Amino acid sequence: MKADVHPEYYVTQVTCGCGNSFTTRSTRKELKLDICSACHPFFTGKLKFVDTAGRIEKFKNKFSAAGYASLGKKKAEKATAEK
């Protein structure tokens, strides 16, 4: 192997937002995760929305006023045609 080509390889402490932590090896000294295998819905079998930074609420607020836009168009077209 060539010298000074490969990055440093450390024993890394990985910490999840749920509190789970484990050690592995990586090029970084410390890793922080939002979700891991201990809390991910695929591995736990429990339905859970992973809402980072309120994305679900932001989506609901943005599109809640619109309702069914395609239905509103047809009603508006009918109203103008009847007049």
PDB file of N, CA and C in Angstrom:
ATOM      1  N   MET A   1       0.835  -1.189   0.000  1.00  0.00           N
ATOM      2  CA  MET A   1       0.000   0.000   0.000  1.00  0.00           C
ATOM      3  C   MET A   1       0.876   1.248   0.000  1.00  0.00           C
ATOM      4  N   LYS A   2       0.354   2.258  -0.658  1.00  0.00           N
ATOM      5  CA  LYS A   2       1.075   3.526  -0.674  1.00  0.00           C
ATOM      6  C   LYS A   2       0.879   4.246   0.656  1.00  0.00           C
ATOM      7  N   ALA A   3       1.891   4.942   1.074  1.00  0.00           N
ATOM      8  CA  ALA A   3       1.807   5.714   2.311  1.00  0.00           C
ATOM      9  C   ALA A   3       1.080   7.033   2.051  1.00  0.00           C
ATOM     10  N   ASP A   4       0.359   7.526   3.052  1.00  0.00           N
ATOM     11  CA  ASP A   4      -0.337   8.820   3.030  1.00  0.00           C
ATOM     12  C   ASP A   4      -1.437   8.912   1.973  1.00  0.00           C
ATOM     13  N   VAL A   5      -2.006   7.800   1.539  1.00  0.00           N
ATOM     14  CA  VAL A   5      -3.092   7.817   0.564  1.00  0.00           C
ATOM     15  C   VAL A   5      -4.431   7.579   1.261  1.00  0.00           C
ATOM     16  N   HIS A   6      -4.434   6.699   2.238  1.00  0.00           N
ATOM     17  CA  HIS A   6      -5.667   6.305   2.896  1.00  0.00           C
ATOM     18  C   HIS A   6      -5.964   7.206   4.092  1.00  0.00           C
ATOM     19  N   PRO A   7      -7.257   7.462   4.362  1.00  0.00           N
ATOM     20  CA  PRO A   7      -7.609   8.292   5.522  1.00  0.00           C
ATOM     21  C   PRO A   7      -7.393   7.537   6.830  1.00  0.00           C
ATOM     22  N   GLU A   8      -7.350   8.282   7.913  1.00  0.00           N
ATOM     23  CA  GLU A   8      -7.218   7.674   9.240  1.00  0.00           C
ATOM     24  C   GLU A   8      -8.479   6.878   9.547  1.00  0.00           C
ATOM     25  N   TYR A   9      -8.337   5.777  10.261  1.00  0.00           N
ATOM     26  CA  TYR A   9      -9.435   4.884  10.586  1.00  0.00           C
ATOM     27  C   TYR A   9      -9.521   4.792  12.101  1.00  0.00           C
ATOM     28  N   TYR A  10     -10.673   5.185  12.690  1.00  0.00           N
ATOM     29  CA  TYR A  10     -10.820   5.279  14.135  1.00  0.00           C
ATOM     30  C   TYR A  10     -11.862   4.293  14.649  1.00  0.00           C
ATOM     31  N   VAL A  11     -11.751   3.969  15.931  1.00  0.00           N
ATOM     32  CA  VAL A  11     -12.844   3.287  16.626  1.00  0.00           C
ATOM     33  C   VAL A  11     -13.840   4.379  16.954  1.00  0.00           C
ATOM     34  N   THR A  12     -15.081   4.246  16.464  1.00  0.00           N
ATOM     35  CA  THR A  12     -16.063   5.325  16.501  1.00  0.00           C
ATOM     36  C   THR A  12     -17.222   4.986  17.432  1.00  0.00           C
ATOM     37  N   GLN A  13     -17.637   5.968  18.210  1.00  0.00           N
ATOM     38  CA  GLN A  13     -18.820   5.840  19.047  1.00  0.00           C
ATOM     39  C   GLN A  13     -19.998   6.418  18.267  1.00  0.00           C
ATOM     40  N   VAL A  14     -21.004   5.587  17.978  1.00  0.00           N
ATOM     41  CA  VAL A  14     -22.191   6.013  17.243  1.00  0.00           C
ATOM     42  C   VAL A  14     -23.319   6.195  18.246  1.00  0.00           C
ATOM     43  N   THR A  15     -23.970   7.380  18.228  1.00  0.00           N
ATOM     44  CA  THR A  15     -25.048   7.692  19.148  1.00  0.00           C
ATOM     45  C   THR A  15     -26.292   8.053  18.368  1.00  0.00           C
ATOM     46  N   CYS A  16     -27.435   7.450  18.733  1.00  0.00           N
ATOM     47  CA  CYS A  16     -28.715   7.712  18.068  1.00  0.00           C
ATOM     48  C   CYS A  16     -29.535   8.688  18.907  1.00  0.00           C
ATOM     49  N   GLY A  17     -30.505   9.315  18.281  1.00  0.00           N
ATOM     50  CA  GLY A  17     -31.404  10.229  18.971  1.00  0.00           C
ATOM     51  C   GLY A  17     -32.269   9.534  20.003  1.00  0.00           C
ATOM     52  N   CYS A  18     -32.497   8.231  19.850  1.00  0.00           N
ATOM     53  CA  CYS A  18     -33.320   7.468  20.804  1.00  0.00           C
ATOM     54  C   CYS A  18     -32.541   7.093  22.059  1.00  0.00           C
ATOM     55  N   GLY A  19     -31.223   7.316  22.067  1.00  0.00           N
ATOM     56  CA  GLY A  19     -30.405   6.986  23.227  1.00  0.00           C
ATOM     57  C   GLY A  19     -29.536   5.758  23.025  1.00  0.00           C
ATOM     58  N   ASN A  20     -29.770   5.010  21.985  1.00  0.00           N
ATOM     59  CA  ASN A  20     -28.974   3.816  21.690  1.00  0.00           C
ATOM     60  C   ASN A  20     -27.579   4.240  21.238  1.00  0.00           C
ATOM     61  N   SER A  21     -26.564   3.510  21.663  1.00  0.00           N
ATOM     62  CA  SER A  21     -25.201   3.802  21.211  1.00  0.00           C
ATOM     63  C   SER A  21     -24.443   2.490  21.030  1.00  0.00           C
ATOM     64  N   PHE A  22     -23.495   2.518  20.113  1.00  0.00           N
ATOM     65  CA  PHE A  22     -22.659   1.349  19.849  1.00  0.00           C
ATOM     66  C   PHE A  22     -21.347   1.824  19.245  1.00  0.00           C
ATOM     67  N   THR A  23     -20.369   0.932  19.191  1.00  0.00           N
ATOM     68  CA  THR A  23     -19.068   1.280  18.638  1.00  0.00           C
ATOM     69  C   THR A  23     -18.855   0.525  17.331  1.00  0.00           C
ATOM     70  N   THR A  24     -18.149   1.166  16.436  1.00  0.00           N
ATOM     71  CA  THR A  24     -17.781   0.583  15.160  1.00  0.00           C
ATOM     72  C   THR A  24     -16.491   1.262  14.710  1.00  0.00           C
ATOM     73  N   ARG A  25     -16.099   1.041  13.488  1.00  0.00           N
ATOM     74  CA  ARG A  25     -14.898   1.707  12.971  1.00  0.00           C
ATOM     75  C   ARG A  25     -15.287   2.579  11.797  1.00  0.00           C
ATOM     76  N   SER A  26     -14.688   3.763  11.717  1.00  0.00           N
ATOM     77  CA  SER A  26     -15.016   4.716  10.667  1.00  0.00           C
ATOM     78  C   SER A  26     -13.872   5.700  10.497  1.00  0.00           C
ATOM     79  N   THR A  27     -14.001   6.546   9.480  1.00  0.00           N
ATOM     80  CA  THR A  27     -13.012   7.600   9.272  1.00  0.00           C
ATOM     81  C   THR A  27     -13.333   8.827  10.116  1.00  0.00           C
ATOM     82  N   ARG A  28     -14.461   8.806  10.816  1.00  0.00           N
ATOM     83  CA  ARG A  28     -14.822   9.894  11.736  1.00  0.00           C
ATOM     84  C   ARG A  28     -14.706   9.385  13.171  1.00  0.00           C
ATOM     85  N   LYS A  29     -14.411  10.292  14.093  1.00  0.00           N
ATOM     86  CA  LYS A  29     -14.228   9.885  15.479  1.00  0.00           C
ATOM     87  C   LYS A  29     -15.553   9.684  16.203  1.00  0.00           C
ATOM     88  N   GLU A  30     -16.595  10.430  15.793  1.00  0.00           N
ATOM     89  CA  GLU A  30     -17.884  10.337  16.452  1.00  0.00           C
ATOM     90  C   GLU A  30     -18.999  10.535  15.426  1.00  0.00           C
ATOM     91  N   LEU A  31     -20.070   9.754  15.529  1.00  0.00           N
ATOM     92  CA  LEU A  31     -21.220   9.881  14.640  1.00  0.00           C
ATOM     93  C   LEU A  31     -22.485  10.040  15.470  1.00  0.00           C
ATOM     94  N   LYS A  32     -23.369  10.948  15.044  1.00  0.00           N
ATOM     95  CA  LYS A  32     -24.663  11.134  15.697  1.00  0.00           C
ATOM     96  C   LYS A  32     -25.740  10.890  14.655  1.00  0.00           C
ATOM     97  N   LEU A  33     -26.672   9.985  14.964  1.00  0.00           N
ATOM     98  CA  LEU A  33     -27.729   9.586  14.041  1.00  0.00           C
ATOM     99  C   LEU A  33     -29.083  10.081  14.521  1.00  0.00           C
ATOM    100  N   ASP A  34     -30.018  10.255  13.570  1.00  0.00           N
ATOM    101  CA  ASP A  34     -31.397  10.575  13.916  1.00  0.00           C
ATOM    102  C   ASP A  34     -32.177   9.301  14.201  1.00  0.00           C
ATOM    103  N   ILE A  35     -31.830   8.234  13.498  1.00  0.00           N
ATOM    104  CA  ILE A  35     -32.575   6.981  13.621  1.00  0.00           C
ATOM    105  C   ILE A  35     -31.617   5.807  13.415  1.00  0.00           C
ATOM    106  N   CYS A  36     -31.840   4.741  14.173  1.00  0.00           N
ATOM    107  CA  CYS A  36     -30.971   3.561  14.080  1.00  0.00           C
ATOM    108  C   CYS A  36     -31.835   2.303  13.986  1.00  0.00           C
ATOM    109  N   SER A  37     -31.218   1.156  13.994  1.00  0.00           N
ATOM    110  CA  SER A  37     -31.967  -0.093  13.875  1.00  0.00           C
ATOM    111  C   SER A  37     -32.805  -0.387  15.118  1.00  0.00           C
ATOM    112  N   ALA A  38     -32.489   0.226  16.243  1.00  0.00           N
ATOM    113  CA  ALA A  38     -33.268  -0.002  17.467  1.00  0.00           C
ATOM    114  C   ALA A  38     -34.588   0.773  17.461  1.00  0.00           C
ATOM    115  N   CYS A  39     -34.673   1.857  16.672  1.00  0.00           N
ATOM    116  CA  CYS A  39     -35.888   2.664  16.671  1.00  0.00           C
ATOM    117  C   CYS A  39     -36.513   2.818  15.282  1.00  0.00           C
ATOM    118  N   HIS A  40     -35.921   2.241  14.248  1.00  0.00           N
ATOM    119  CA  HIS A  40     -36.463   2.351  12.895  1.00  0.00           C
ATOM    120  C   HIS A  40     -37.703   1.460  12.749  1.00  0.00           C
ATOM    121  N   PRO A  41     -38.788   1.979  12.130  1.00  0.00           N
ATOM    122  CA  PRO A  41     -40.028   1.200  12.001  1.00  0.00           C
ATOM    123  C   PRO A  41     -39.860  -0.124  11.258  1.00  0.00           C
ATOM    124  N   PHE A  42     -38.962  -0.214  10.328  1.00  0.00           N
ATOM    125  CA  PHE A  42     -38.755  -1.463   9.595  1.00  0.00           C
ATOM    126  C   PHE A  42     -38.275  -2.571  10.524  1.00  0.00           C
ATOM    127  N   PHE A  43     -37.389  -2.229  11.449  1.00  0.00           N
ATOM    128  CA  PHE A  43     -36.820  -3.235  12.345  1.00  0.00           C
ATOM    129  C   PHE A  43     -37.691  -3.476  13.571  1.00  0.00           C
ATOM    130  N   THR A  44     -38.424  -2.458  14.042  1.00  0.00           N
ATOM    131  CA  THR A  44     -39.237  -2.611  15.249  1.00  0.00           C
ATOM    132  C   THR A  44     -40.629  -3.142  14.951  1.00  0.00           C
ATOM    133  N   GLY A  45     -41.140  -2.913  13.751  1.00  0.00           N
ATOM    134  CA  GLY A  45     -42.481  -3.355  13.398  1.00  0.00           C
ATOM    135  C   GLY A  45     -43.559  -2.398  13.856  1.00  0.00           C
ATOM    136  N   LYS A  46     -43.190  -1.275  14.448  1.00  0.00           N
ATOM    137  CA  LYS A  46     -44.136  -0.276  14.920  1.00  0.00           C
ATOM    138  C   LYS A  46     -44.183   0.880  13.930  1.00  0.00           C
ATOM    139  N   LEU A  47     -45.391   1.381  13.670  1.00  0.00           N
ATOM    140  CA  LEU A  47     -45.536   2.522  12.768  1.00  0.00           C
ATOM    141  C   LEU A  47     -45.172   3.785  13.519  1.00  0.00           C
ATOM    142  N   LYS A  48     -44.264   4.533  12.953  1.00  0.00           N
ATOM    143  CA  LYS A  48     -43.809   5.759  13.602  1.00  0.00           C
ATOM    144  C   LYS A  48     -43.416   6.736  12.516  1.00  0.00           C
ATOM    145  N   PHE A  49     -43.928   7.948  12.600  1.00  0.00           N
ATOM    146  CA  PHE A  49     -43.546   8.973  11.647  1.00  0.00           C
ATOM    147  C   PHE A  49     -42.255   9.617  12.125  1.00  0.00           C
ATOM    148  N   VAL A  50     -41.273   9.649  11.274  1.00  0.00           N
ATOM    149  CA  VAL A  50     -40.012  10.285  11.591  1.00  0.00           C
ATOM    150  C   VAL A  50     -40.102  11.703  11.057  1.00  0.00           C
ATOM    151  N   ASP A  51     -40.373  12.627  11.952  1.00  0.00           N
ATOM    152  CA  ASP A  51     -40.614  14.015  11.568  1.00  0.00           C
ATOM    153  C   ASP A  51     -39.429  14.868  11.974  1.00  0.00           C
ATOM    154  N   THR A  52     -38.537  15.119  11.039  1.00  0.00           N
ATOM    155  CA  THR A  52     -37.377  15.941  11.299  1.00  0.00           C
ATOM    156  C   THR A  52     -37.706  17.378  10.930  1.00  0.00           C
ATOM    157  N   ALA A  53     -37.567  18.264  11.862  1.00  0.00           N
ATOM    158  CA  ALA A  53     -37.768  19.701  11.661  1.00  0.00           C
ATOM    159  C   ALA A  53     -39.199  20.045  11.256  1.00  0.00           C
ATOM    160  N   GLY A  54     -40.185  19.272  11.711  1.00  0.00           N
ATOM    161  CA  GLY A  54     -41.587  19.603  11.481  1.00  0.00           C
ATOM    162  C   GLY A  54     -42.035  19.522  10.043  1.00  0.00           C
ATOM    163  N   ARG A  55     -41.466  18.643   9.255  1.00  0.00           N
ATOM    164  CA  ARG A  55     -41.794  18.569   7.832  1.00  0.00           C
ATOM    165  C   ARG A  55     -43.235  18.142   7.593  1.00  0.00           C
ATOM    166  N   ILE A  56     -43.747  17.241   8.407  1.00  0.00           N
ATOM    167  CA  ILE A  56     -45.127  16.776   8.231  1.00  0.00           C
ATOM    168  C   ILE A  56     -46.097  17.912   8.516  1.00  0.00           C
ATOM    169  N   GLU A  57     -45.868  18.641   9.601  1.00  0.00           N
ATOM    170  CA  GLU A  57     -46.733  19.777   9.940  1.00  0.00           C
ATOM    171  C   GLU A  57     -46.659  20.861   8.867  1.00  0.00           C
ATOM    172  N   LYS A  58     -45.475  21.108   8.363  1.00  0.00           N
ATOM    173  CA  LYS A  58     -45.308  22.111   7.314  1.00  0.00           C
ATOM    174  C   LYS A  58     -46.097  21.716   6.064  1.00  0.00           C
ATOM    175  N   PHE A  59     -46.058  20.435   5.700  1.00  0.00           N
ATOM    176  CA  PHE A  59     -46.795  19.942   4.542  1.00  0.00           C
ATOM    177  C   PHE A  59     -48.298  20.081   4.767  1.00  0.00           C
ATOM    178  N   LYS A  60     -48.764  19.680   5.950  1.00  0.00           N
ATOM    179  CA  LYS A  60     -50.196  19.779   6.255  1.00  0.00           C
ATOM    180  C   LYS A  60     -50.669  21.230   6.210  1.00  0.00           C
ATOM    181  N   ASN A  61     -49.906  22.137   6.781  1.00  0.00           N
ATOM    182  CA  ASN A  61     -50.290  23.547   6.769  1.00  0.00           C
ATOM    183  C   ASN A  61     -50.311  24.122   5.362  1.00  0.00           C
ATOM    184  N   LYS A  62     -49.386  23.704   4.548  1.00  0.00           N
ATOM    185  CA  LYS A  62     -49.280  24.230   3.194  1.00  0.00           C
ATOM    186  C   LYS A  62     -50.453  23.793   2.330  1.00  0.00           C
ATOM    187  N   PHE A  63     -50.870  22.531   2.466  1.00  0.00           N
ATOM    188  CA  PHE A  63     -51.887  21.989   1.576  1.00  0.00           C
ATOM    189  C   PHE A  63     -53.266  21.833   2.213  1.00  0.00           C
ATOM    190  N   SER A  64     -53.414  22.195   3.482  1.00  0.00           N
ATOM    191  CA  SER A  64     -54.721  22.040   4.123  1.00  0.00           C
ATOM    192  C   SER A  64     -55.738  23.023   3.566  1.00  0.00           C
ATOM    193  N   ALA A  65     -55.330  24.236   3.236  1.00  0.00           N
ATOM    194  CA  ALA A  65     -56.252  25.244   2.716  1.00  0.00           C
ATOM    195  C   ALA A  65     -56.679  24.928   1.287  1.00  0.00           C
ATOM    196  N   ALA A  66     -55.842  24.230   0.541  1.00  0.00           N
ATOM    197  CA  ALA A  66     -56.139  23.954  -0.865  1.00  0.00           C
ATOM    198  C   ALA A  66     -57.270  22.947  -1.012  1.00  0.00           C
ATOM    199  N   GLY A  67     -57.340  21.965  -0.113  1.00  0.00           N
ATOM    200  CA  GLY A  67     -58.371  20.940  -0.226  1.00  0.00           C
ATOM    201  C   GLY A  67     -58.186  20.150  -1.508  1.00  0.00           C
ATOM    202  N   TYR A  68     -59.277  19.835  -2.181  1.00  0.00           N
ATOM    203  CA  TYR A  68     -59.209  19.131  -3.448  1.00  0.00           C
ATOM    204  C   TYR A  68     -59.246  20.166  -4.563  1.00  0.00           C
ATOM    205  N   ALA A  69     -58.119  20.553  -5.051  1.00  0.00           N
ATOM    206  CA  ALA A  69     -58.013  21.618  -6.044  1.00  0.00           C
ATOM    207  C   ALA A  69     -58.719  21.256  -7.336  1.00  0.00           C
ATOM    208  N   SER A  70     -58.661  20.007  -7.742  1.00  0.00           N
ATOM    209  CA  SER A  70     -59.285  19.607  -8.997  1.00  0.00           C
ATOM    210  C   SER A  70     -60.807  19.704  -8.898  1.00  0.00           C
ATOM    211  N   LEU A  71     -61.385  19.414  -7.740  1.00  0.00           N
ATOM    212  CA  LEU A  71     -62.831  19.527  -7.561  1.00  0.00           C
ATOM    213  C   LEU A  71     -63.262  20.989  -7.551  1.00  0.00           C
ATOM    214  N   GLY A  72     -62.451  21.836  -6.966  1.00  0.00           N
ATOM    215  CA  GLY A  72     -62.758  23.268  -6.922  1.00  0.00           C
ATOM    216  C   GLY A  72     -62.793  23.885  -8.313  1.00  0.00           C
ATOM    217  N   LYS A  73     -61.921  23.438  -9.196  1.00  0.00           N
ATOM    218  CA  LYS A  73     -61.881  23.950 -10.572  1.00  0.00           C
ATOM    219  C   LYS A  73     -63.172  23.630 -11.310  1.00  0.00           C
ATOM    220  N   LYS A  74     -63.641  22.412 -11.167  1.00  0.00           N
ATOM    221  CA  LYS A  74     -64.850  21.987 -11.875  1.00  0.00           C
ATOM    222  C   LYS A  74     -66.066  22.764 -11.391  1.00  0.00           C
ATOM    223  N   LYS A  75     -66.146  23.006 -10.084  1.00  0.00           N
ATOM    224  CA  LYS A  75     -67.269  23.778  -9.530  1.00  0.00           C
ATOM    225  C   LYS A  75     -67.209  25.221 -10.035  1.00  0.00           C
ATOM    226  N   ALA A  76     -66.025  25.781 -10.100  1.00  0.00           N
ATOM    227  CA  ALA A  76     -65.874  27.159 -10.575  1.00  0.00           C
ATOM    228  C   ALA A  76     -66.245  27.252 -12.051  1.00  0.00           C
ATOM    229  N   GLU A  77     -65.870  26.264 -12.838  1.00  0.00           N
ATOM    230  CA  GLU A  77     -66.201  26.260 -14.266  1.00  0.00           C
ATOM    231  C   GLU A  77     -67.709  26.119 -14.458  1.00  0.00           C
ATOM    232  N   LYS A  78     -68.387  25.295 -13.645  1.00  0.00           N
ATOM    233  CA  LYS A  78     -69.821  25.123 -13.735  1.00  0.00           C
ATOM    234  C   LYS A  78     -70.545  26.430 -13.407  1.00  0.00           C
ATOM    235  N   ALA A  79     -70.069  27.109 -12.367  1.00  0.00           N
ATOM    236  CA  ALA A  79     -70.692  28.351 -11.935  1.00  0.00           C
ATOM    237  C   ALA A  79     -70.595  29.424 -13.011  1.00  0.00           C
ATOM    238  N   THR A  80     -69.458  29.518 -13.680  1.00  0.00           N
ATOM    239  CA  THR A  80     -69.305  30.519 -14.736  1.00  0.00           C
ATOM    240  C   THR A  80     -70.094  30.131 -15.985  1.00  0.00           C
ATOM    241  N   ALA A  81     -70.272  28.844 -16.235  1.00  0.00           N
ATOM    242  CA  ALA A  81     -71.021  28.387 -17.406  1.00  0.00           C
ATOM    243  C   ALA A  81     -72.514  28.624 -17.214  1.00  0.00           C
ATOM    244  N   GLU A  82     -73.000  28.523 -15.966  1.00  0.00           N
ATOM    245  CA  GLU A  82     -74.411  28.715 -15.670  1.00  0.00           C
ATOM    246  C   GLU A  82     -74.813  30.168 -15.745  1.00  0.00           C
ATOM    247  N   LYS A  83     -73.903  31.084 -15.524  1.00  0.00           N
ATOM    248  CA  LYS A  83     -74.223  32.520 -15.525  1.00  0.00           C
ATOM    249  C   LYS A  83     -74.360  32.968 -16.905  1.00  0.00           C
TER     250      LYS A  83
END
